[in-house]
């Protein structure tokens, strides 16, 4: 019993930008303050915080019903799409169940992997496209990238050359990888659009519609070298579209929030783009001034069966077959309920001052 209480007390890390901290110290954390919620790329790590998502979307935010921007790349956009389509509990549970039961083998081609993932996405949101576009509370905003030059190809040699080029240019500076990719922000033509100030990457704004929402969600999660690029998206310029996490891995964008950017995340740091993690780059503090970052603590992670959240490498981890992986992932998902419980307890007691650290 003592161990359970101790783990619960340490299950979350709470980090805040300076403006978010000021607001919370003054007024507490109130659902009406929250106007933007980011969702990071990171594969199955996203289902490892299911309990936190359920608490935020199922218990906390409904206390102040209003339209909020949900902006996600890769699994982040799929998490939000599942919640918009089915509600917090049913949506997150369906996503967790579908993802957990995916199966891959070494001889699969990139197109084979894409087909499996598209079937999962279809099972997740097909038939609910209207909800994703016209949801009264959520402005679903999907991040992807438009590949440039050699990066448009799925053939091995040009693709690997492009990826090597991205690594090399990113080493010089994040902005230099703009020669290989451009940001795409897809969202419904309803309400106030999400926009950002110009940065190093050319940004295209596309309309998210019932006809193309599946394609944009697929593009947002299409990992180069693992999955095929998505092409022929309805009402979009011709091109090859890929994983949004390549530019916006943990979504370090200049949010124009008027309140708090509430960020349920699987780690306590923000890495701008996927390739930036190779160089240990972290977020621009100015971009995250209004962010409240909530993530599992190291003590919580250590308590999990794998000592960490589910990871894409588990599909091919030596000594771990599908049956074992499924069992371990299910345990991780079940354990995540304590993340949500602790968040709701913090909201009830409003004792963030005791645990909040600087972001």
Foldseek 3Di string as FASTA:
>chain_A
DVVVVVCLVQFKAKAAAQQQVVVCVVPNDALVQAAEEEFFDFAQLSLLQLLQQCLCFVPGNVVPFAAHEYEYFAVSLQLVLLCLQPNSPVSSVLLLVLSLPDADDDPDDQANLLVSVLVSSCVRCPVRLCSQAPPRHYWRKYKWKFFADLCQDLDDPSVVVLVVVCLVLVVVPNLRNLNTIAMEIETAPDDDDWDADDDSGHYHYHYRHSQQVSLRNSLSNSDRPRHFFGADGPPDDGGGMHHRQQQARQHQTQGPRPGAHEYEYADDFGQGHPSSVVVPDGHDSNSRNRYIYMHTGQSNLCPAPVSGADHPCLSVDPPRHSVNSSVSNVRSSVSSSSSSVSVVVCSVVSPCVVRYHHD
